[in-house]
Every structure is written in C-alpha cells, then in structure tokens.
Amino acid sequence: MPTYDYYCDANGRTVEVSHHINESIGSWGELCEQAGIGSGETPADAPVRRLISGGAVVSRASLSNPEPACGSGACCPSGVCGFPK
C-alpha cells in the first residue's frame, strides 16, 4: 500500500499514513483515525491536504545489474563493507 504525507494548517503537523490509491483523506479526524493517533486539541473537521512527495525511481537496469558493494567489484578484503568475504 502506498504511503502519503498529509499536512494540517490548523496545527502545523505532517502525518504519514498508508492507504489505497483510490482513497482520500480530507479532515484531521479522518487522518488521525487512519494513522491511529489522537486528534489532540485540533478540531476533527480541520482540513488536511496531501503533500506531493518525490518517489524513489528504480530503473530496470539497476534491478538486473546491481552495483557491487565495493569499488573493487567484490567484497572488501577487510570486511568493512558488511558483506562476508
């Protein structure tokens, strides 16, 4: 399920939630319910807006030709990279 950031002008908070792409959240109360958090002193009907966030772009080439862990093309002789020899 995709993750979205919503911002509430009434309290200045940004909250991250996961929901289906065809769902939308329009109020602070709906956002709090979806996120499983308390609404605090902010009115439940306070409007929220979904923020535009940059998604991670994964190219097909990077999936089929992963970069080696180290510049040497193999594991680090010292094991510093965290991969076993």
C-alpha atoms as a PDB file:
ATOM      1  CA  MET A   1       0.000   0.000   0.000  1.00  0.00           C
ATOM      2  CA  PRO A   2       1.360   3.459  -0.852  1.00  0.00           C
ATOM      3  CA  THR A   3       2.391   5.886   1.869  1.00  0.00           C
ATOM      4  CA  TYR A   4       1.275   9.520   1.807  1.00  0.00           C
ATOM      5  CA  ASP A   5       2.110  12.635   3.841  1.00  0.00           C
ATOM      6  CA  TYR A   6      -0.757  14.907   4.899  1.00  0.00           C
ATOM      7  CA  TYR A   7      -0.406  18.404   6.323  1.00  0.00           C
ATOM      8  CA  CYS A   8      -2.848  20.184   8.630  1.00  0.00           C
ATOM      9  CA  ASP A   9      -2.766  24.002   8.515  1.00  0.00           C
ATOM     10  CA  ALA A  10      -4.684  24.215  11.806  1.00  0.00           C
ATOM     11  CA  ASN A  11      -1.890  22.644  13.858  1.00  0.00           C
ATOM     12  CA  GLY A  12       1.124  22.657  11.519  1.00  0.00           C
ATOM     13  CA  ARG A  13       1.591  18.891  11.746  1.00  0.00           C
ATOM     14  CA  THR A  14       2.526  16.488   8.973  1.00  0.00           C
ATOM     15  CA  VAL A  15       1.400  12.890   9.370  1.00  0.00           C
ATOM     16  CA  GLU A  16       2.375   9.911   7.233  1.00  0.00           C
ATOM     17  CA  VAL A  17      -0.248   7.240   6.535  1.00  0.00           C
ATOM     18  CA  SER A  18      -0.691   4.274   4.230  1.00  0.00           C
ATOM     19  CA  HIS A  19      -3.891   3.791   2.258  1.00  0.00           C
ATOM     20  CA  HIS A  20      -5.139   2.574  -1.088  1.00  0.00           C
ATOM     21  CA  ILE A  21      -4.521   4.849  -4.039  1.00  0.00           C
ATOM     22  CA  ASN A  22      -8.250   5.395  -4.628  1.00  0.00           C
ATOM     23  CA  GLU A  23      -8.867   6.565  -1.042  1.00  0.00           C
ATOM     24  CA  SER A  24      -8.611  10.177   0.055  1.00  0.00           C
ATOM     25  CA  ILE A  25      -8.443  11.872   3.445  1.00  0.00           C
ATOM     26  CA  GLY A  26      -9.911  15.327   3.856  1.00  0.00           C
ATOM     27  CA  SER A  27     -10.041  16.090   7.570  1.00  0.00           C
ATOM     28  CA  TRP A  28      -7.840  15.915  10.645  1.00  0.00           C
ATOM     29  CA  GLY A  29     -10.225  13.416  12.268  1.00  0.00           C
ATOM     30  CA  GLU A  30     -10.038  11.051   9.283  1.00  0.00           C
ATOM     31  CA  LEU A  31      -6.247  11.388   9.217  1.00  0.00           C
ATOM     32  CA  CYS A  32      -5.894  10.630  12.926  1.00  0.00           C
ATOM     33  CA  GLU A  33      -8.174   7.616  12.620  1.00  0.00           C
ATOM     34  CA  GLN A  34      -6.186   6.253   9.664  1.00  0.00           C
ATOM     35  CA  ALA A  35      -2.848   6.878  11.421  1.00  0.00           C
ATOM     36  CA  GLY A  36      -4.053   5.515  14.763  1.00  0.00           C
ATOM     37  CA  ILE A  37      -3.190   8.698  16.668  1.00  0.00           C
ATOM     38  CA  GLY A  38      -5.161  11.008  18.933  1.00  0.00           C
ATOM     39  CA  SER A  39      -6.544  14.231  17.484  1.00  0.00           C
ATOM     40  CA  GLY A  40      -5.437  16.364  20.419  1.00  0.00           C
ATOM     41  CA  GLU A  41      -6.970  19.828  20.570  1.00  0.00           C
ATOM     42  CA  THR A  42      -7.305  20.180  16.794  1.00  0.00           C
ATOM     43  CA  PRO A  43     -10.942  20.049  15.611  1.00  0.00           C
ATOM     44  CA  ALA A  44     -11.762  16.798  13.811  1.00  0.00           C
ATOM     45  CA  ASP A  45     -13.193  18.741  10.862  1.00  0.00           C
ATOM     46  CA  ALA A  46      -9.996  20.749  10.284  1.00  0.00           C
ATOM     47  CA  PRO A  47      -8.976  20.266   6.643  1.00  0.00           C
ATOM     48  CA  VAL A  48      -5.808  18.437   5.663  1.00  0.00           C
ATOM     49  CA  ARG A  49      -4.037  18.280   2.329  1.00  0.00           C
ATOM     50  CA  ARG A  50      -1.915  15.587   0.813  1.00  0.00           C
ATOM     51  CA  LEU A  51       1.646  16.703   0.171  1.00  0.00           C
ATOM     52  CA  ILE A  52       3.449  15.929  -3.027  1.00  0.00           C
ATOM     53  CA  SER A  53       6.457  13.804  -2.282  1.00  0.00           C
ATOM     54  CA  GLY A  54       9.163  12.534  -4.552  1.00  0.00           C
ATOM     55  CA  GLY A  55       9.021   8.816  -5.092  1.00  0.00           C
ATOM     56  CA  ALA A  56      12.016   6.606  -5.401  1.00  0.00           C
ATOM     57  CA  VAL A  57      12.789   5.895  -9.009  1.00  0.00           C
ATOM     58  CA  VAL A  58      14.101   2.440  -9.751  1.00  0.00           C
ATOM     59  CA  SER A  59      15.322   1.782 -13.241  1.00  0.00           C
ATOM     60  CA  ARG A  60      15.058  -1.609 -14.830  1.00  0.00           C
ATOM     61  CA  ALA A  61      18.808  -1.644 -15.443  1.00  0.00           C
ATOM     62  CA  SER A  62      19.575  -1.179 -11.765  1.00  0.00           C
ATOM     63  CA  LEU A  63      17.476  -4.213 -10.891  1.00  0.00           C
ATOM     64  CA  SER A  64      19.178  -6.521 -13.363  1.00  0.00           C
ATOM     65  CA  ASN A  65      22.718  -5.109 -12.959  1.00  0.00           C
ATOM     66  CA  PRO A  66      23.187  -4.172  -9.288  1.00  0.00           C
ATOM     67  CA  GLU A  67      26.238  -2.164  -8.344  1.00  0.00           C
ATOM     68  CA  PRO A  68      28.925  -4.106  -6.482  1.00  0.00           C
ATOM     69  CA  ALA A  69      29.176  -3.494  -2.757  1.00  0.00           C
ATOM     70  CA  CYS A  70      32.656  -2.002  -3.111  1.00  0.00           C
ATOM     71  CA  GLY A  71      34.580  -0.157  -5.774  1.00  0.00           C
ATOM     72  CA  SER A  72      36.804  -3.201  -6.228  1.00  0.00           C
ATOM     73  CA  GLY A  73      33.887  -5.139  -7.708  1.00  0.00           C
ATOM     74  CA  ALA A  74      33.962  -7.633  -4.883  1.00  0.00           C
ATOM     75  CA  CYS A  75      33.690  -7.607  -1.116  1.00  0.00           C
ATOM     76  CA  CYS A  76      36.128  -5.570   0.895  1.00  0.00           C
ATOM     77  CA  PRO A  77      39.170  -7.569   1.980  1.00  0.00           C
ATOM     78  CA  SER A  78      38.787  -6.091   5.452  1.00  0.00           C
ATOM     79  CA  GLY A  79      35.073  -6.856   5.635  1.00  0.00           C
ATOM     80  CA  VAL A  80      34.321  -3.189   6.411  1.00  0.00           C
ATOM     81  CA  CYS A  81      31.504  -3.089   3.893  1.00  0.00           C
ATOM     82  CA  GLY A  82      29.478  -5.516   5.979  1.00  0.00           C
ATOM     83  CA  PHE A  83      29.405  -8.247   3.369  1.00  0.00           C
ATOM     84  CA  PRO A  84      31.202 -11.521   4.037  1.00  0.00           C
ATOM     85  CA  LYS A  85      34.305 -12.314   2.047  1.00  0.00           C
END
